[in-house]
Each structure stands twice: as C-alpha cells, then as structure tokens.
Amino acid sequence: MFDNTPIETLLDLLKVDEIDDLPIFVVNLFATHADPPANLREVQERMLEISFESRFLLAHADADGSLSEFTKTIEEVMRDLPQDSPARKRESFRRIIRMRALKNMRIIEAAHAPMTGGMDFSAHGVKTRYRSGYNAVDKLFGNEK
C-alpha cells in the first residue's frame, strides 16, 4: 500500500480472518520529515507536498505517531459492548471494528523526493518517487543494493 491510498477502502478489502494478523505496509512517498525549505521555491514545493500527505494518520495517531491507543480502544469496545447490543448490527460498527487491523500497520518512510513544480506527475517526478519508495522497502527488509 502506498501513501494516499484511502485506508478505509483497504480495510474493506480484508477478509474477516485477516483483520487481526495481516501485516499492512504503508510506503510514505510524501515524507513528513524532510529538511526545512531553504528558499521560497522550496517552501512552495513543500506546501504542495504537504497537500499529498496522509491525513488519516494525523487524525488518529497517538502523540508518539502510533495507532496503538486507537486500536486498543476499538478492541475494548468490542470486548465490553454486550453481544446483543443493537449497535453491533450497524454498518458503522462493522466499519469501526475493521480499523483494529491498523495495529498491524507499519509505515515505511521513503527518502524525500521533492516535487519539481505544481502537481509534478511528470515521468521524471513519478519515477523519482517510485524509486524512493522501492529503496525504502528494500532498506527495511535488508535488500539494499
């Protein structure tokens, strides 16, 4: 999975028996931790990059950047809510409890690959971020070349 993929859509693709154990990898192609911009052009590029960052994690992550408190709360609700509760029959409950799969999520930070102008979806820009993502995954799994 790559950054900016709608996480809710991914969770809906999971089978019930995958929710608790299937590893989920997010390759963050629009790095949140980059060197501060050095000039006005870099400020503009960084502003654009920020617009592509994952908002889901910003909304649900704990202070340390993990989702452990969030997923722990979901598991507590599942445990403590009576089995015969009408809430368990709601579609919204089904969607919420699927989010416990996020405890299996690992975020892989790709190296910063700056955009070179507005909406840089040029062949060069896409290829640069593509390579950056693959290099980050290779680094994580010890396959560096």
Protein backbone atom coordinates (compact mmCIF):
# COMPACT_ATOMS: atom_id res chain seq x y z
CA MET A 1 0.00 0.00 0.00
CA PHE A 2 1.27 3.46 -0.80
CA ASP A 3 0.57 6.75 0.89
CA ASN A 4 -2.67 8.48 -0.08
CA THR A 5 -4.49 5.18 -0.59
CA PRO A 6 -7.81 5.51 1.22
CA ILE A 7 -7.25 3.36 4.32
CA GLU A 8 -10.96 2.66 4.75
CA THR A 9 -11.07 1.18 1.24
CA LEU A 10 -8.10 -1.04 2.04
CA LEU A 11 -9.75 -2.25 5.25
CA ASP A 12 -12.90 -3.18 3.34
CA LEU A 13 -10.80 -5.46 1.12
CA LEU A 14 -9.61 -7.50 4.10
CA LYS A 15 -11.26 -10.81 4.88
CA VAL A 16 -12.51 -11.24 8.46
CA ASP A 17 -9.70 -13.69 9.28
CA GLU A 18 -7.06 -11.19 8.03
CA ILE A 19 -8.06 -8.25 10.22
CA ASP A 20 -6.17 -9.24 13.35
CA ASP A 21 -2.95 -10.56 11.80
CA LEU A 22 -2.30 -9.45 8.23
CA PRO A 23 0.67 -7.07 8.05
CA ILE A 24 -0.11 -3.76 6.32
CA PHE A 25 2.75 -1.71 4.93
CA VAL A 26 2.41 1.95 4.03
CA VAL A 27 5.18 3.48 1.95
CA ASN A 28 5.12 7.17 2.75
CA LEU A 29 6.15 8.71 -0.57
CA PHE A 30 5.48 12.24 0.59
CA ALA A 31 7.82 12.28 3.56
CA THR A 32 6.60 14.15 6.61
CA HIS A 33 10.14 14.50 7.93
CA ALA A 34 12.21 16.44 5.44
CA ASP A 35 14.80 19.15 5.88
CA PRO A 36 13.27 22.61 6.26
CA PRO A 37 12.99 24.54 2.98
CA ALA A 38 15.98 26.77 2.27
CA ASN A 39 14.31 29.25 -0.10
CA LEU A 40 10.94 30.41 -1.37
CA ARG A 41 10.82 27.89 -4.23
CA GLU A 42 11.38 25.03 -1.75
CA VAL A 43 8.67 26.48 0.53
CA GLN A 44 6.20 26.34 -2.37
CA GLU A 45 7.23 22.77 -3.21
CA ARG A 46 6.90 21.71 0.43
CA MET A 47 3.41 23.26 0.65
CA LEU A 48 2.36 21.15 -2.31
CA GLU A 49 3.91 18.00 -0.82
CA ILE A 50 2.02 18.55 2.43
CA SER A 51 -1.24 18.51 0.48
CA PHE A 52 -0.46 14.89 -0.51
CA GLU A 53 0.47 13.67 2.98
CA SER A 54 -1.73 11.16 4.74
CA ARG A 55 -4.40 12.90 6.78
CA PHE A 56 -5.69 9.69 8.30
CA LEU A 57 -2.62 9.23 10.46
CA LEU A 58 -2.67 12.86 11.53
CA ALA A 59 -6.28 12.47 12.66
CA HIS A 60 -5.94 9.15 14.54
CA ALA A 61 -2.31 8.72 15.61
CA ASP A 62 -1.18 8.92 19.22
CA ALA A 63 1.35 11.51 20.35
CA ASP A 64 4.15 9.06 19.50
CA GLY A 65 2.79 8.59 15.96
CA SER A 66 1.48 5.08 16.57
CA LEU A 67 -2.10 3.86 16.38
CA SER A 68 -1.86 1.61 19.46
CA GLU A 69 -4.19 3.66 21.67
CA PHE A 70 -6.70 3.98 18.84
CA THR A 71 -6.77 0.24 18.10
CA LYS A 72 -6.74 -0.65 21.81
CA THR A 73 -9.88 1.46 22.29
CA ILE A 74 -11.60 -0.37 19.41
CA GLU A 75 -10.72 -3.73 20.96
CA GLU A 76 -12.06 -2.59 24.35
CA VAL A 77 -15.35 -1.50 22.78
CA MET A 78 -15.63 -4.89 21.02
CA ARG A 79 -14.96 -6.69 24.30
CA ASP A 80 -17.17 -4.57 26.55
CA LEU A 81 -20.19 -3.97 24.30
CA PRO A 82 -22.82 -6.63 25.03
CA GLN A 83 -23.17 -9.22 22.26
CA ASP A 84 -26.88 -8.46 21.92
CA SER A 85 -26.37 -4.70 21.59
CA PRO A 86 -28.20 -3.19 18.60
CA ALA A 87 -25.02 -1.21 17.87
CA ARG A 88 -23.30 -4.42 16.74
CA LYS A 89 -25.80 -4.70 13.87
CA ARG A 90 -24.98 -1.27 12.43
CA GLU A 91 -22.85 -0.84 9.33
CA SER A 92 -20.93 1.92 11.12
CA PHE A 93 -19.95 -0.56 13.87
CA ARG A 94 -18.68 -3.01 11.25
CA ARG A 95 -16.54 -0.28 9.68
CA ILE A 96 -15.17 0.87 13.02
CA ILE A 97 -14.16 -2.58 14.25
CA ARG A 98 -12.34 -3.30 10.97
CA MET A 99 -10.00 -0.46 11.92
CA ARG A 100 -8.40 -2.71 14.52
CA ALA A 101 -6.35 -4.03 11.58
CA LEU A 102 -4.38 -0.80 11.82
CA LYS A 103 -2.44 -2.28 14.73
CA ASN A 104 -0.67 -4.34 12.04
CA MET A 105 0.32 -1.28 10.03
CA ARG A 106 3.97 -0.46 9.50
CA ILE A 107 4.89 2.89 7.97
CA ILE A 108 7.98 2.95 5.77
CA GLU A 109 9.37 6.44 5.28
CA ALA A 110 10.78 6.96 1.80
CA ALA A 111 13.57 9.46 1.29
CA HIS A 112 12.39 12.95 0.45
CA ALA A 113 11.86 13.27 -3.30
CA PRO A 114 10.89 16.90 -3.85
CA MET A 115 8.25 17.80 -6.37
CA THR A 116 9.65 19.95 -9.11
CA GLY A 117 6.74 22.24 -9.77
CA GLY A 118 3.00 22.27 -9.43
CA MET A 119 1.46 18.79 -9.36
CA ASP A 120 4.66 17.08 -10.50
CA PHE A 121 3.27 13.99 -12.11
CA SER A 122 5.84 14.18 -14.88
CA ALA A 123 7.56 10.94 -15.87
CA HIS A 124 10.69 12.08 -14.01
CA GLY A 125 8.78 13.09 -10.85
CA VAL A 126 6.78 9.85 -10.66
CA LYS A 127 9.87 7.75 -11.39
CA THR A 128 11.84 9.55 -8.67
CA ARG A 129 9.17 8.91 -6.02
CA TYR A 130 8.71 5.33 -7.30
CA ARG A 131 12.44 4.65 -6.86
CA SER A 132 12.42 6.34 -3.46
CA GLY A 133 9.58 4.07 -2.29
CA TYR A 134 11.24 0.89 -3.53
CA ASN A 135 14.56 1.89 -1.93
CA ALA A 136 12.80 2.46 1.41
CA VAL A 137 11.18 -1.01 1.26
CA ASP A 138 14.48 -2.63 0.28
CA LYS A 139 16.18 -0.87 3.20
CA LEU A 140 13.52 -2.10 5.63
CA PHE A 141 13.91 -5.71 4.51
CA GLY A 142 17.70 -5.54 4.26
CA ASN A 143 17.82 -5.81 0.48
CA GLU A 144 19.84 -2.66 -0.11
CA LYS A 145 21.82 -2.67 -3.32
